[in-house]
Protein backbone atom coordinates (compact mmCIF):
# COMPACT_ATOMS: atom_id res chain seq x y z
CA MET A 1 14.73 -34.08 79.38
CA LYS A 2 14.43 -37.86 79.54
CA ILE A 3 17.07 -39.68 81.52
CA PHE A 4 16.39 -43.23 80.35
CA GLU A 5 15.30 -44.63 77.03
CA GLU A 6 13.35 -47.47 78.63
CA ASN A 7 11.28 -47.49 81.79
CA ARG A 8 13.09 -49.66 84.32
CA LEU A 9 9.91 -50.76 86.06
CA LYS A 10 8.32 -52.12 82.89
CA THR A 11 11.55 -53.84 81.90
CA ILE A 12 11.83 -56.03 85.01
CA PHE A 13 8.48 -57.64 84.26
CA HIS A 14 9.73 -58.90 80.90
CA SER A 15 11.16 -61.90 82.78
CA PRO A 16 8.80 -64.53 84.25
CA GLU A 17 10.37 -64.70 87.70
CA LYS A 18 8.16 -63.62 90.60
CA LYS A 19 9.02 -60.17 91.90
CA VAL A 20 9.47 -58.86 95.44
CA SER A 21 9.07 -55.22 96.35
CA ILE A 22 9.70 -53.35 99.60
CA TYR A 23 7.88 -50.23 100.75
CA PHE A 24 9.41 -47.70 103.13
CA THR A 25 8.60 -44.12 104.11
CA ALA A 26 10.87 -41.32 102.95
CA GLY A 27 12.60 -39.58 105.86
CA TYR A 28 12.06 -42.44 108.31
CA PRO A 29 13.44 -43.31 110.79
CA ALA A 30 15.68 -40.27 110.28
CA LEU A 31 15.54 -37.59 107.61
CA ILE A 32 18.87 -38.67 106.13
CA ASP A 33 18.02 -42.39 105.96
CA THR A 34 16.11 -42.44 102.65
CA VAL A 35 19.10 -43.00 100.40
CA LYS A 36 20.84 -45.35 102.84
CA ILE A 37 17.79 -47.61 102.92
CA LEU A 38 17.35 -47.43 99.15
CA LYS A 39 20.96 -48.43 98.54
CA LEU A 40 20.69 -51.32 100.98
CA LEU A 41 17.56 -52.60 99.23
CA ALA A 42 19.24 -52.26 95.84
CA GLU A 43 22.08 -54.47 97.10
CA SER A 44 19.62 -57.17 98.18
CA LYS A 45 17.35 -59.45 96.13
CA VAL A 46 14.54 -56.88 96.06
CA ASP A 47 13.29 -56.27 92.50
CA PHE A 48 11.83 -52.79 92.94
CA VAL A 49 11.05 -50.36 95.74
CA GLU A 50 8.16 -48.16 96.73
CA ILE A 51 9.02 -44.98 98.58
CA GLY A 52 6.15 -43.50 100.56
CA ILE A 53 5.63 -39.75 100.60
CA PRO A 54 4.67 -38.94 104.20
CA PHE A 55 1.29 -37.27 104.70
CA SER A 56 -0.64 -36.56 107.89
CA ASP A 57 -4.01 -37.82 106.62
CA SER A 58 -3.17 -40.98 104.69
CA VAL A 59 -6.41 -42.97 104.70
CA MET A 60 -5.21 -46.41 103.54
CA ASP A 61 -2.41 -46.95 106.00
CA GLY A 62 -2.44 -48.72 109.32
CA GLU A 63 -0.77 -47.77 112.59
CA VAL A 64 2.79 -48.76 111.67
CA ILE A 65 3.00 -46.76 108.46
CA LEU A 66 0.96 -43.86 109.83
CA ASP A 67 3.45 -43.60 112.67
CA SER A 68 6.33 -43.60 110.19
CA HIS A 69 4.63 -40.76 108.29
CA LYS A 70 4.25 -38.79 111.51
CA VAL A 71 7.90 -39.23 112.44
CA ALA A 72 9.08 -38.40 108.91
CA LEU A 73 7.06 -35.19 108.88
CA GLU A 74 8.42 -34.27 112.31
CA ASN A 75 11.89 -34.93 110.90
CA GLY A 76 11.16 -32.29 108.27
CA MET A 77 10.62 -34.48 105.22
CA THR A 78 8.98 -32.73 102.26
CA ILE A 79 8.57 -33.58 98.59
CA GLU A 80 11.29 -31.09 97.69
CA ILE A 81 13.71 -32.64 100.17
CA LEU A 82 12.90 -36.10 98.83
CA PHE A 83 13.71 -35.02 95.28
CA ASP A 84 16.93 -33.42 96.53
CA GLN A 85 17.86 -36.71 98.21
CA LEU A 86 17.17 -38.65 95.02
CA GLU A 87 18.98 -36.15 92.78
CA LYS A 88 22.00 -38.36 92.15
CA ILE A 89 20.52 -41.73 93.04
CA ARG A 90 20.89 -43.08 89.50
CA GLU A 91 24.64 -42.74 89.87
CA GLN A 92 24.37 -45.24 92.73
CA VAL A 93 21.50 -47.68 92.09
CA SER A 94 19.65 -49.11 89.09
CA ILE A 95 16.68 -50.66 90.93
CA PRO A 96 13.25 -49.39 89.73
CA ILE A 97 11.69 -46.78 92.01
CA VAL A 98 7.98 -46.12 92.54
CA LEU A 99 6.74 -43.16 94.57
CA MET A 100 3.53 -43.74 96.53
CA GLY A 101 1.50 -41.08 98.25
CA SER A 102 -1.70 -39.08 98.57
CA MET A 103 -2.92 -36.59 96.00
CA ASN A 104 -3.02 -33.65 98.40
CA PRO A 105 0.72 -33.02 98.84
CA VAL A 106 1.38 -33.75 95.16
CA TYR A 107 -1.35 -31.33 94.11
CA GLN A 108 0.03 -28.69 96.49
CA TYR A 109 3.51 -29.16 95.05
CA GLY A 110 2.18 -28.88 91.49
CA PHE A 111 1.32 -32.02 89.54
CA GLU A 112 3.17 -31.16 86.35
CA LYS A 113 6.26 -30.03 88.29
CA PHE A 114 6.08 -33.21 90.39
CA CYS A 115 6.06 -35.48 87.33
CA ARG A 116 8.91 -33.53 85.76
CA ARG A 117 11.03 -33.85 88.89
CA CYS A 118 10.27 -37.59 89.03
CA ASN A 119 11.70 -37.91 85.54
CA GLU A 120 14.75 -35.81 86.35
CA VAL A 121 15.78 -37.93 89.34
CA GLY A 122 14.91 -41.28 87.76
CA VAL A 123 11.62 -42.31 89.36
CA ASN A 124 9.87 -44.94 87.20
CA GLY A 125 6.32 -45.23 88.52
CA LEU A 126 3.76 -43.28 90.49
CA LEU A 127 1.02 -44.69 92.71
CA LEU A 128 -1.55 -42.22 94.05
CA PRO A 129 -4.38 -44.33 95.50
CA ASP A 130 -6.80 -41.40 95.77
CA LEU A 131 -6.32 -40.14 92.20
CA PRO A 132 -9.69 -40.65 90.46
CA LEU A 133 -9.43 -42.55 87.18
CA ASP A 134 -11.45 -39.89 85.35
CA ASP A 135 -9.08 -37.17 86.54
CA TYR A 136 -6.07 -39.21 85.49
CA GLU A 137 -7.52 -39.85 82.05
CA ASN A 138 -8.74 -36.29 81.45
CA TYR A 139 -6.08 -34.15 83.10
CA TYR A 140 -2.96 -35.91 84.32
CA ARG A 141 -2.15 -38.73 81.91
CA VAL A 142 -0.24 -36.43 79.56
CA TRP A 143 2.22 -35.52 82.30
CA TYR A 144 2.84 -39.16 83.15
CA GLN A 145 3.49 -39.88 79.48
CA GLN A 146 5.74 -36.86 78.93
CA ASN A 147 7.89 -37.92 81.87
CA ASP A 148 8.01 -41.69 81.29
CA LEU A 149 6.14 -42.41 84.52
CA ALA A 150 4.18 -45.65 84.77
CA PRO A 151 0.72 -44.93 86.24
CA ILE A 152 -0.01 -47.58 88.85
CA PHE A 153 -3.52 -48.22 90.15
CA MET A 154 -5.05 -50.45 92.79
CA ILE A 155 -7.80 -53.06 92.86
CA SER A 156 -9.35 -54.79 95.87
CA PRO A 157 -11.85 -57.60 96.55
CA GLN A 158 -14.58 -54.94 96.26
CA THR A 159 -13.57 -53.81 92.75
CA ASN A 160 -16.09 -55.05 90.19
CA ASP A 161 -15.05 -56.71 86.95
CA GLU A 162 -15.87 -53.73 84.74
CA ARG A 163 -13.78 -51.39 86.84
CA ILE A 164 -10.91 -53.88 87.03
CA LYS A 165 -10.87 -53.96 83.24
CA ARG A 166 -10.76 -50.17 83.02
CA ILE A 167 -8.04 -49.88 85.66
CA ASP A 168 -5.98 -52.49 83.85
CA MET A 169 -6.37 -50.66 80.53
CA LEU A 170 -5.27 -47.31 81.98
CA GLY A 171 -2.46 -48.60 84.19
CA GLU A 172 1.12 -49.44 83.25
CA GLY A 173 4.06 -51.09 84.97
CA PHE A 174 1.97 -53.32 87.20
CA LEU A 175 -1.45 -53.54 88.79
CA TYR A 176 -1.41 -53.27 92.60
CA ALA A 177 -3.86 -55.83 94.00
CA LEU A 178 -4.78 -55.41 97.65
CA SER A 179 -4.79 -58.74 99.47
CA GLY A 180 -7.92 -57.71 101.39
CA ASN A 181 -9.99 -54.76 102.54
CA SER A 182 -8.05 -53.80 105.67
CA THR A 183 -5.52 -51.00 106.03
CA THR A 184 -1.81 -51.71 105.62
CA GLY A 185 -0.66 -54.11 108.30
CA GLY A 186 -4.24 -54.33 109.53
CA SER A 187 -4.69 -58.08 109.32
CA SER A 188 -2.72 -60.98 110.70
CA GLU A 189 -3.01 -63.06 107.55
CA ILE A 190 -3.84 -63.02 103.86
CA GLY A 191 -5.84 -65.47 101.81
CA LYS A 192 -9.36 -65.11 103.16
CA SER A 193 -10.67 -63.66 99.89
CA SER A 194 -10.21 -66.91 98.00
CA ASP A 195 -12.65 -66.08 95.19
CA TYR A 196 -10.88 -62.78 94.64
CA LEU A 197 -7.47 -64.41 94.57
CA LYS A 198 -8.71 -67.00 92.07
CA LYS A 199 -9.96 -64.12 89.95
CA LEU A 200 -6.47 -62.62 89.99
CA LEU A 201 -5.08 -65.93 88.82
CA ASN A 202 -7.62 -66.58 86.06
CA HIS A 203 -8.30 -63.08 84.70
CA LYS A 204 -6.45 -62.14 81.51
CA PHE A 205 -4.72 -58.95 82.65
CA ILE A 206 -2.83 -56.60 80.37
CA ASN A 207 -0.42 -55.70 83.18
CA PRO A 208 1.47 -57.86 85.65
CA VAL A 209 -0.31 -58.13 89.00
CA VAL A 210 1.50 -57.63 92.30
CA LEU A 211 -0.18 -58.43 95.61
CA GLY A 212 0.24 -56.09 98.57
CA PHE A 213 -1.08 -55.34 102.08
CA ASN A 214 -0.47 -57.65 105.06
CA ILE A 215 2.36 -59.57 103.42
CA LYS A 216 4.92 -60.02 106.17
CA THR A 217 6.81 -63.30 105.78
CA LYS A 218 8.47 -65.59 103.26
CA ALA A 219 5.43 -67.87 103.54
CA ASP A 220 3.14 -64.93 102.70
CA ILE A 221 5.21 -64.18 99.61
CA LYS A 222 5.05 -67.82 98.47
CA PHE A 223 1.29 -67.76 98.95
CA ALA A 224 0.92 -64.49 97.02
CA ASN A 225 3.02 -65.85 94.17
CA GLN A 226 0.43 -68.56 93.54
CA PHE A 227 -1.99 -65.87 92.37
CA ALA A 228 0.12 -62.93 91.25
CA ASP A 229 3.36 -61.93 89.57
CA GLY A 230 4.91 -60.70 92.78
CA ALA A 231 4.41 -59.39 96.29
CA ILE A 232 4.96 -56.15 98.18
CA VAL A 233 6.08 -56.00 101.81
CA GLY A 234 5.44 -52.74 103.65
CA SER A 235 4.50 -52.57 107.33
CA ALA A 236 6.69 -55.52 108.32
CA PHE A 237 9.74 -53.80 106.84
CA VAL A 238 8.87 -50.41 108.31
CA LYS A 239 8.71 -52.11 111.72
CA THR A 240 12.36 -53.14 111.35
CA LEU A 241 13.32 -49.48 110.97
CA LYS A 242 11.74 -48.38 114.24
CA GLY A 243 14.34 -47.21 116.69
CA GLY A 244 16.83 -46.15 114.05
CA PHE A 245 18.69 -47.34 110.96
CA ASP A 246 20.44 -50.61 111.72
CA LYS A 247 22.11 -52.20 108.70
CA GLU A 248 22.57 -55.60 110.35
CA ARG A 249 18.91 -55.79 111.38
CA ILE A 250 17.70 -54.75 107.92
CA VAL A 251 19.94 -57.23 106.12
CA HIS A 252 18.80 -60.03 108.44
CA PHE A 253 15.15 -59.18 107.78
CA LEU A 254 15.68 -59.24 104.00
CA GLU A 255 17.61 -62.52 104.13
CA GLU A 256 14.81 -64.13 106.13
CA LEU A 257 12.20 -62.74 103.74
CA ILE A 258 13.61 -63.39 100.29
CA GLU A 259 15.05 -66.62 98.93
């Protein structure tokens, strides 16, 4: 059963304003913190959120996010618990929600069941970086479509033009553009791939483009917005959660980050 007539994630990109997204790991720093963090982000100037599904062998993430995955798993976080936590979230927040994670735990849970549960709790997009495009197109796309889930894919400075075009054609919601080739939080700055960033600016994309990886400050967001339709902050936010949920610290971080 569909919950919403229109996908919230796609709707926010109808307006020209640059978007800001925050990533955090489900079940971190404590198992019960997922909804508290989500509600706090929804009350801020964040446009949409990415909730990470913790996994022990996440290959794209750097030390900060890998550590958050480890702690979340030790806390007992599972996909089923995450869906239970989000069960009534649409009674509390309207902000678009994207789930991000590895294929392995989703496959183990059951891909069709996973997409159905996403729809039931009000998730709007799904980003699985290790889902092959061919597999998405041949096997999984129907379940995204049946459950009003925007399929989100990534490009990097190493992605050739032909593949970028194909990714853009298959994706919906937005295109996640990596700022560089490092892991999350793995570089002190963005902007070294100037030719790549110019390509993002000049290419005629079907989808909005949002820049992620190693975006930590307000200045980074301003820089990213020169080339893309928005920016995603991950490791820097996860760092603020270390040591326990602290509303004052989180609010201060968001106020310093977003105009």
